[in-house]
Amino acid sequence: MFVENLLADKDDQIWSITPDATVYEALVQMDRKNIGALLVIQGGELIGILSERDYARKIIIKGKSSRETLVKEVMTTEVCYVGRKTRMEECLAIMSDKRIRHLPVMEDDQLIGLVSIGDVVKSIINEQEIVIDHLYNYIHGVYYSPH
């Protein structure tokens, strides 16, 4: 399965925030949307990502105020991304290697989506279940007739 298959099944809404917003504003938006990260967009360009992990490590632990700290001060600026033809297993490998939970999807320098670790794992599990069912049916001589 490819990223494009996953995106076809997902809501195409991409949640984002500007770098000059406060971290508190970002957290309120994440809470309202029940999401764990926001893409940081400036002038239509992806310039970073702000995750719950960024908040925990760069605000809470350092004793900063989320109401006074701007997103651009704590966002992750080295954003890993994938294309629509990236396989799910490759997404999982990138996420595991980089210890990240979200991957923007880019095409021709344009942001077209976002996949989370939950999306990727669910997709891989579903694909494996289908393969297991086919193998089980093959081994046990169960054949399906389209009629």
Protein backbone atom coordinates (compact mmCIF):
# COMPACT_ATOMS: atom_id res chain seq x y z
CA MET A 1 0.00 0.00 0.00
CA PHE A 2 1.15 3.51 -0.83
CA VAL A 3 0.66 6.86 0.89
CA GLU A 4 -1.74 7.91 -1.88
CA ASN A 5 -4.05 4.99 -0.96
CA LEU A 6 -4.06 6.09 2.66
CA LEU A 7 -4.74 9.73 1.73
CA ALA A 8 -7.70 8.65 -0.42
CA ASP A 9 -9.35 7.15 2.68
CA LYS A 10 -8.55 10.10 4.99
CA ASP A 11 -10.19 13.43 5.54
CA ASP A 12 -8.15 15.79 3.38
CA GLN A 13 -8.09 18.55 6.00
CA ILE A 14 -4.55 19.65 6.91
CA TRP A 15 -4.32 21.45 10.23
CA SER A 16 -1.70 24.16 10.48
CA ILE A 17 -0.61 27.25 12.37
CA THR A 18 1.61 30.22 11.68
CA PRO A 19 5.05 30.59 13.25
CA ASP A 20 4.03 33.81 15.01
CA ALA A 21 1.15 32.20 16.92
CA THR A 22 1.70 31.34 20.56
CA VAL A 23 2.29 27.79 21.63
CA TYR A 24 -0.85 28.12 23.76
CA GLU A 25 -2.91 28.89 20.61
CA ALA A 26 -1.39 25.83 18.97
CA LEU A 27 -2.26 23.64 21.95
CA VAL A 28 -5.85 24.88 21.97
CA GLN A 29 -6.16 24.02 18.27
CA MET A 30 -4.61 20.58 18.79
CA ASP A 31 -7.05 19.92 21.63
CA ARG A 32 -10.07 21.06 19.60
CA LYS A 33 -9.08 18.92 16.63
CA ASN A 34 -7.90 15.99 18.79
CA ILE A 35 -4.55 15.88 16.99
CA GLY A 36 -0.95 15.54 18.19
CA ALA A 37 0.82 17.97 15.85
CA LEU A 38 0.33 21.01 13.67
CA LEU A 39 2.19 21.87 10.53
CA VAL A 40 3.74 25.34 10.64
CA ILE A 41 2.98 27.23 7.45
CA GLN A 42 4.25 30.65 6.40
CA GLY A 43 3.40 32.18 3.05
CA GLY A 44 1.99 28.89 1.84
CA GLU A 45 5.26 27.09 2.60
CA LEU A 46 5.84 24.31 5.13
CA ILE A 47 8.55 25.62 7.48
CA GLY A 48 8.14 23.36 10.50
CA ILE A 49 6.01 21.14 12.68
CA LEU A 50 4.92 21.57 16.29
CA SER A 51 4.10 18.40 18.20
CA GLU A 52 3.04 17.51 21.70
CA ARG A 53 6.59 16.24 22.17
CA ASP A 54 7.98 19.68 21.27
CA TYR A 55 5.67 21.20 23.88
CA ALA A 56 6.69 18.73 26.58
CA ARG A 57 10.41 19.00 25.93
CA LYS A 58 10.81 22.65 24.97
CA ILE A 59 8.17 24.36 27.10
CA ILE A 60 7.21 22.29 30.15
CA ILE A 61 10.63 20.87 31.02
CA LYS A 62 12.38 24.21 30.41
CA GLY A 63 9.85 26.11 32.54
CA LYS A 64 8.68 28.36 29.70
CA SER A 65 5.19 29.79 29.31
CA SER A 66 3.08 28.50 26.43
CA ARG A 67 1.13 31.78 26.45
CA GLU A 68 4.28 33.83 25.87
CA THR A 69 6.38 31.52 23.69
CA LEU A 70 5.89 31.67 19.93
CA VAL A 71 5.57 28.55 17.80
CA LYS A 72 8.67 29.52 15.78
CA GLU A 73 10.78 29.39 18.96
CA VAL A 74 10.10 25.71 19.65
CA MET A 75 8.90 24.11 16.40
CA THR A 76 10.91 21.39 14.72
CA THR A 77 12.41 22.91 11.58
CA GLU A 78 13.98 19.81 10.04
CA VAL A 79 10.80 18.22 8.78
CA CYS A 80 10.96 14.76 7.22
CA TYR A 81 8.37 14.19 4.52
CA VAL A 82 7.30 11.59 1.98
CA GLY A 83 5.68 11.52 -1.44
CA ARG A 84 2.41 9.96 -2.49
CA LYS A 85 4.19 6.92 -3.98
CA THR A 86 5.97 6.08 -0.72
CA ARG A 87 5.12 2.62 0.63
CA MET A 88 3.68 2.29 4.14
CA GLU A 89 6.62 0.16 5.29
CA GLU A 90 9.01 2.93 4.27
CA CYS A 91 6.95 5.50 6.21
CA LEU A 92 7.13 3.28 9.28
CA ALA A 93 10.89 2.87 8.88
CA ILE A 94 11.38 6.65 8.62
CA MET A 95 9.18 7.27 11.64
CA SER A 96 10.98 4.64 13.70
CA ASP A 97 14.44 5.79 12.65
CA LYS A 98 13.75 9.51 13.24
CA ARG A 99 11.51 8.87 16.28
CA ILE A 100 8.69 10.96 14.85
CA ARG A 101 4.95 10.42 14.73
CA HIS A 102 3.89 12.58 11.77
CA LEU A 103 5.00 12.80 8.13
CA PRO A 104 3.85 15.52 5.77
CA VAL A 105 3.16 14.36 2.22
CA MET A 106 4.64 16.58 -0.49
CA GLU A 107 4.27 16.63 -4.25
CA ASP A 108 6.10 19.13 -6.46
CA ASP A 109 7.01 21.21 -3.37
CA GLN A 110 3.32 21.38 -2.41
CA LEU A 111 1.89 20.01 0.82
CA ILE A 112 -0.86 17.53 -0.05
CA GLY A 113 -1.43 15.69 3.22
CA LEU A 114 -0.19 14.41 6.54
CA VAL A 115 0.07 10.84 7.83
CA SER A 116 0.45 9.85 11.45
CA ILE A 117 2.05 6.77 12.94
CA GLY A 118 -1.44 5.56 13.80
CA ASP A 119 -2.52 5.87 10.16
CA VAL A 120 0.54 3.96 8.97
CA VAL A 121 0.32 1.16 11.53
CA LYS A 122 -3.41 0.70 10.92
CA SER A 123 -2.80 0.55 7.16
CA ILE A 124 -0.04 -2.05 7.52
CA ILE A 125 -2.16 -4.18 9.87
CA ASN A 126 -5.14 -4.05 7.48
CA GLU A 127 -2.94 -5.06 4.55
CA GLN A 128 -1.46 -7.96 6.54
CA GLU A 129 -4.93 -9.16 7.57
CA ILE A 130 -5.96 -9.32 3.92
CA VAL A 131 -2.85 -11.33 3.02
CA ILE A 132 -3.44 -13.70 5.95
CA ASP A 133 -7.07 -14.22 4.90
CA HIS A 134 -6.04 -15.00 1.33
CA LEU A 135 -3.34 -17.43 2.48
CA TYR A 136 -5.73 -19.13 4.91
CA ASN A 137 -8.34 -19.55 2.18
CA TYR A 138 -5.72 -20.84 -0.26
CA ILE A 139 -4.37 -23.39 2.21
CA HIS A 140 -7.85 -24.58 3.16
CA GLY A 141 -9.13 -24.69 -0.42
CA VAL A 142 -11.72 -21.99 0.10
CA TYR A 143 -12.42 -20.18 -3.12
CA TYR A 144 -14.77 -17.33 -3.71
CA SER A 145 -16.96 -17.19 -6.73
CA PRO A 146 -17.98 -13.73 -7.90
CA HIS A 147 -21.48 -15.09 -8.70
